[in-house]
Amino acid sequence: MPLALELAVQDLAGVRVAREIRARRVELTQGLALGGLTPSPATLELAVEAAASAHGAGPDVEVHVLVRPRAGGFHYDADEIATAVRDVRWMLAHGATGVVIGAQNADGALDADALARLRDAARDVRADAEVTLHRVIDVTPDPLAGLRTAVSLGLTRVLTSGGASAARDGRDMLRALVAAAEGRIQVMAGSGVTAENAAEIAATGVDALHFSAKRTVAASGSVRMGSAADDGGGHEVTERAEAQAVRTALGL
């Protein structure tokens, strides 16, 4: 299979950029500055419309939704898992092609029981739903053990930076994960992927590259909403030129 491109987006404009650069799919989220959170129902519905072919021949871009109930770590309580299960069901019932999930135990290993519940919720709605394990694998004690768990659960792919902060620095682990996958699960590299390093990351043999190509738009005013986290610093958007540069650098 040719290398696939996945663009992490937060809005309709990002979906349109993904179509323009012929990405295979988007990871739809909100709050990328927080690592990504579950997007709103309206965001999903409009993203599916924006991803659809103008010729009515099916989606040009697959919409995969990040289901993450809160910022912070990935050790969730029963209420948070219940929320995620319902979000998974809703997103797939309303047009998503797949979901992106993750959960871990208190000891840092993947929470196989929670992941199985989320997987089952997805495939109860759509038998062919694609389920991606997100970068929770990079904060587990042993990414290779995490990969084996993902394979045993029948997940579609795993998004990973090879256990490093940026995929470029995790290339040795990415190669090890590709070798261990043996074609049973897709390995997608993400985190810090740019036009400058995309080719060398792709050379590890991964099945796909995940990137955001984002830039920050400065706030037009100085009104604060009362939160200490609201610094009035603007918001992030998908930069078409950077996204296209990644594709061009890969010779696609």
Protein backbone atom coordinates (compact mmCIF):
# COMPACT_ATOMS: atom_id res chain seq x y z
CA MET A 1 0.00 0.00 0.00
CA PRO A 2 1.25 3.52 -0.76
CA LEU A 3 2.07 5.78 2.15
CA ALA A 4 -1.09 7.39 3.52
CA LEU A 5 -1.33 10.94 4.81
CA GLU A 6 -3.50 11.86 7.78
CA LEU A 7 -4.05 15.50 8.68
CA ALA A 8 -5.04 16.45 12.24
CA VAL A 9 -7.68 19.17 11.95
CA GLN A 10 -9.98 21.12 14.22
CA ASP A 11 -12.46 22.68 11.81
CA LEU A 12 -14.02 22.64 8.36
CA ALA A 13 -11.22 24.67 6.83
CA GLY A 14 -8.80 21.95 7.88
CA VAL A 15 -10.97 19.28 6.25
CA ARG A 16 -10.97 21.30 3.03
CA VAL A 17 -7.17 21.55 3.14
CA ALA A 18 -6.99 17.77 3.55
CA ARG A 19 -9.10 17.35 0.42
CA GLU A 20 -6.96 19.83 -1.51
CA ILE A 21 -3.72 18.01 -0.71
CA ARG A 22 -5.39 14.61 -1.27
CA ALA A 23 -4.84 13.29 2.25
CA ARG A 24 -6.46 9.92 2.80
CA ARG A 25 -8.08 10.92 6.07
CA VAL A 26 -8.35 13.51 8.80
CA GLU A 27 -8.22 13.08 12.52
CA LEU A 28 -10.97 15.44 13.65
CA THR A 29 -10.49 16.94 17.07
CA GLN A 30 -10.61 20.17 19.01
CA GLY A 31 -8.15 21.67 21.47
CA LEU A 32 -4.99 20.47 19.75
CA ALA A 33 -3.03 22.72 22.12
CA LEU A 34 -4.25 20.38 24.89
CA GLY A 35 -3.34 17.28 22.93
CA GLY A 36 -6.79 17.01 21.35
CA LEU A 37 -10.29 16.50 22.73
CA THR A 38 -13.54 15.06 21.40
CA PRO A 39 -15.05 17.50 18.88
CA SER A 40 -18.63 18.74 19.03
CA PRO A 41 -21.49 16.94 17.22
CA ALA A 42 -21.94 19.86 14.81
CA THR A 43 -18.23 19.87 14.00
CA LEU A 44 -18.43 16.19 13.05
CA GLU A 45 -21.56 16.56 10.94
CA LEU A 46 -20.20 19.53 9.00
CA ALA A 47 -16.79 17.87 8.60
CA VAL A 48 -18.42 14.82 7.02
CA GLU A 49 -20.22 17.13 4.59
CA ALA A 50 -16.99 18.97 3.78
CA ALA A 51 -15.14 15.69 3.22
CA ALA A 52 -17.72 14.32 0.79
CA SER A 53 -16.96 14.22 -2.91
CA ALA A 54 -18.44 17.03 -4.95
CA HIS A 55 -19.47 14.34 -7.43
CA GLY A 56 -21.41 12.29 -4.90
CA ALA A 57 -19.13 9.29 -5.31
CA GLY A 58 -18.35 8.83 -1.65
CA PRO A 59 -15.94 10.64 0.65
CA ASP A 60 -12.78 12.07 -0.77
CA VAL A 61 -11.37 12.16 2.75
CA GLU A 62 -12.17 9.75 5.56
CA VAL A 63 -13.16 11.41 8.84
CA HIS A 64 -11.70 9.73 11.93
CA VAL A 65 -12.72 11.29 15.24
CA LEU A 66 -10.51 11.57 18.30
CA VAL A 67 -12.51 10.46 21.32
CA ARG A 68 -10.82 11.87 24.40
CA PRO A 69 -13.10 13.01 27.25
CA ARG A 70 -10.65 15.37 28.94
CA ALA A 71 -7.15 16.78 28.88
CA GLY A 72 -4.41 15.30 31.02
CA GLY A 73 -3.40 11.66 31.28
CA PHE A 74 -5.14 8.61 29.87
CA HIS A 75 -6.06 6.76 33.09
CA TYR A 76 -9.82 7.13 33.07
CA ASP A 77 -12.46 6.36 35.68
CA ALA A 78 -15.73 4.55 34.99
CA ASP A 79 -17.65 7.74 34.20
CA GLU A 80 -15.05 8.90 31.70
CA ILE A 81 -15.02 5.55 29.92
CA ALA A 82 -18.83 5.56 29.80
CA THR A 83 -18.71 9.02 28.22
CA ALA A 84 -16.15 7.88 25.66
CA VAL A 85 -18.22 4.81 24.76
CA ARG A 86 -21.24 6.99 24.03
CA ASP A 87 -19.13 9.43 22.02
CA VAL A 88 -17.73 6.56 19.96
CA ARG A 89 -21.22 5.32 19.17
CA TRP A 90 -22.54 8.79 18.31
CA MET A 91 -19.64 9.74 16.05
CA LEU A 92 -19.85 6.54 14.00
CA ALA A 93 -23.64 6.74 13.78
CA HIS A 94 -23.30 10.24 12.34
CA GLY A 95 -20.84 9.69 9.56
CA ALA A 96 -17.37 9.08 10.98
CA THR A 97 -15.33 6.38 9.23
CA GLY A 98 -13.36 5.56 12.35
CA VAL A 99 -12.39 6.63 15.83
CA VAL A 100 -9.11 7.30 17.58
CA ILE A 101 -8.94 6.06 21.17
CA GLY A 102 -6.59 5.34 24.06
CA ALA A 103 -6.62 4.39 27.73
CA GLN A 104 -4.08 3.12 30.22
CA ASN A 105 -3.98 1.55 33.65
CA ALA A 106 -2.55 3.18 36.75
CA ASP A 107 0.73 1.33 36.12
CA GLY A 108 1.03 2.94 32.68
CA ALA A 109 0.29 -0.16 30.60
CA LEU A 110 -2.58 -0.06 28.12
CA ASP A 111 -6.02 -0.63 29.65
CA ALA A 112 -7.05 -3.55 27.45
CA ASP A 113 -10.50 -3.83 29.04
CA ALA A 114 -11.37 -0.19 28.37
CA LEU A 115 -9.98 -0.38 24.85
CA ALA A 116 -12.04 -3.50 24.18
CA ARG A 117 -15.20 -1.68 25.30
CA LEU A 118 -14.43 1.23 23.00
CA ARG A 119 -13.62 -1.10 20.10
CA ASP A 120 -16.85 -3.02 20.61
CA ALA A 121 -18.85 0.20 20.78
CA ALA A 122 -17.39 1.23 17.43
CA ARG A 123 -17.98 -2.05 15.65
CA ASP A 124 -21.46 -2.49 17.08
CA VAL A 125 -22.36 0.62 15.09
CA ARG A 126 -20.25 -0.12 12.02
CA ALA A 127 -18.75 -3.55 11.55
CA ASP A 128 -16.05 -2.06 9.32
CA ALA A 129 -15.23 0.87 11.62
CA GLU A 130 -11.53 1.59 11.79
CA VAL A 131 -10.16 1.96 15.32
CA THR A 132 -6.83 3.71 15.84
CA LEU A 133 -4.84 3.61 19.07
CA HIS A 134 -3.45 7.09 19.67
CA ARG A 135 -0.13 8.17 21.17
CA VAL A 136 -0.97 6.78 24.59
CA ILE A 137 1.37 4.00 23.40
CA ASP A 138 4.25 6.47 23.62
CA VAL A 139 3.75 6.98 27.35
CA THR A 140 3.52 3.28 28.21
CA PRO A 141 6.52 1.49 29.77
CA ASP A 142 7.02 -0.66 26.66
CA PRO A 143 5.68 0.46 23.26
CA LEU A 144 6.33 -2.99 21.78
CA ALA A 145 4.16 -4.57 24.46
CA GLY A 146 1.55 -1.93 23.70
CA LEU A 147 1.68 -2.87 20.04
CA ARG A 148 1.08 -6.53 20.92
CA THR A 149 -1.96 -5.51 22.94
CA ALA A 150 -3.30 -3.45 20.03
CA VAL A 151 -2.83 -6.43 17.70
CA SER A 152 -4.60 -8.77 20.12
CA LEU A 153 -7.54 -6.36 20.25
CA GLY A 154 -7.82 -6.27 16.48
CA LEU A 155 -7.28 -2.54 16.20
CA THR A 156 -6.70 -1.06 12.75
CA ARG A 157 -3.61 1.04 13.42
CA VAL A 158 -1.47 2.68 16.05
CA LEU A 159 -0.33 6.30 15.99
CA THR A 160 3.12 6.67 17.53
CA SER A 161 6.20 8.85 17.68
CA GLY A 162 8.30 5.81 18.56
CA GLY A 163 8.22 6.68 22.26
CA ALA A 164 9.95 10.04 21.71
CA SER A 165 8.60 13.56 21.92
CA ALA A 166 8.93 13.84 18.14
CA ALA A 167 8.79 11.10 15.53
CA ARG A 168 12.13 12.11 14.06
CA ASP A 169 13.79 11.21 17.36
CA GLY A 170 11.92 7.91 17.63
CA ARG A 171 12.95 6.45 14.30
CA ASP A 172 14.69 3.41 15.76
CA MET A 173 11.58 2.45 17.74
CA LEU A 174 9.38 3.16 14.73
CA ARG A 175 11.43 0.65 12.73
CA ALA A 176 11.10 -1.86 15.56
CA LEU A 177 7.33 -1.35 15.71
CA VAL A 178 6.98 -1.81 11.95
CA ALA A 179 8.98 -5.05 12.14
CA ALA A 180 6.95 -6.32 15.11
CA ALA A 181 3.65 -5.46 13.42
CA GLU A 182 4.36 -7.95 10.63
CA GLY A 183 1.51 -6.48 8.61
CA ARG A 184 -1.08 -7.33 11.27
CA ILE A 185 -1.67 -3.69 12.19
CA GLN A 186 -0.80 -0.40 10.54
CA VAL A 187 1.88 1.78 12.11
CA MET A 188 1.39 5.52 11.62
CA ALA A 189 4.10 7.98 12.64
CA GLY A 190 3.14 11.33 14.11
CA SER A 191 4.37 14.26 16.22
CA GLY A 192 6.53 17.00 14.79
CA VAL A 193 6.21 15.80 11.18
CA THR A 194 7.15 18.60 8.77
CA ALA A 195 8.24 18.97 5.17
CA GLU A 196 11.84 18.99 6.39
CA ASN A 197 11.72 15.58 8.10
CA ALA A 198 8.78 13.75 6.51
CA ALA A 199 10.91 11.73 4.08
CA GLU A 200 13.30 10.43 6.72
CA ILE A 201 10.42 9.46 9.00
CA ALA A 202 8.65 7.72 6.12
CA ALA A 203 11.88 5.80 5.45
CA THR A 204 11.31 3.82 8.68
CA GLY A 205 8.71 1.82 6.78
CA VAL A 206 5.59 3.18 8.46
CA ASP A 207 2.24 2.86 6.72
CA ALA A 208 1.20 6.48 7.20
CA LEU A 209 2.27 9.91 8.37
CA HIS A 210 0.14 12.04 10.71
CA PHE A 211 0.72 15.79 10.91
CA SER A 212 -1.14 19.01 11.69
CA ALA A 213 0.55 21.71 9.54
CA LYS A 214 -0.86 24.28 11.92
CA ARG A 215 -0.09 27.92 12.59
CA THR A 216 -1.40 30.33 15.21
CA VAL A 217 -3.65 33.23 14.30
CA ALA A 218 -3.18 36.08 16.76
CA ALA A 219 -6.18 37.20 18.77
CA SER A 220 -7.83 40.35 17.45
CA GLY A 221 -8.68 41.70 20.90
CA SER A 222 -7.58 41.51 24.51
CA VAL A 223 -10.84 40.36 26.12
CA ARG A 224 -10.25 37.57 28.59
CA MET A 225 -12.86 35.00 29.54
CA GLY A 226 -11.83 34.65 33.16
CA SER A 227 -9.70 31.53 32.93
CA ALA A 228 -6.05 31.55 33.88
CA ALA A 229 -5.46 29.32 30.86
CA ASP A 230 -6.95 31.92 28.52
CA ASP A 231 -3.99 34.11 27.63
CA GLY A 232 -5.63 35.73 24.61
CA GLY A 233 -2.89 34.27 22.44
CA GLY A 234 -5.07 33.42 19.46
CA HIS A 235 -6.07 30.12 17.91
CA GLU A 236 -4.62 27.48 15.60
CA VAL A 237 -5.55 26.89 11.98
CA THR A 238 -4.38 24.45 9.31
CA GLU A 239 -1.82 26.00 6.96
CA ARG A 240 -2.44 24.79 3.42
CA ALA A 241 1.04 25.65 2.13
CA GLU A 242 2.73 23.64 4.89
CA ALA A 243 0.40 20.69 4.39
CA GLN A 244 1.12 20.67 0.65
CA ALA A 245 4.85 20.99 1.34
CA VAL A 246 4.75 17.73 3.33
CA ARG A 247 3.12 15.93 0.43
CA THR A 248 5.57 17.42 -2.06
CA ALA A 249 8.55 16.45 0.10
CA LEU A 250 7.36 12.85 -0.05
CA GLY A 251 7.08 12.91 -3.82
CA LEU A 252 3.39 12.06 -3.68
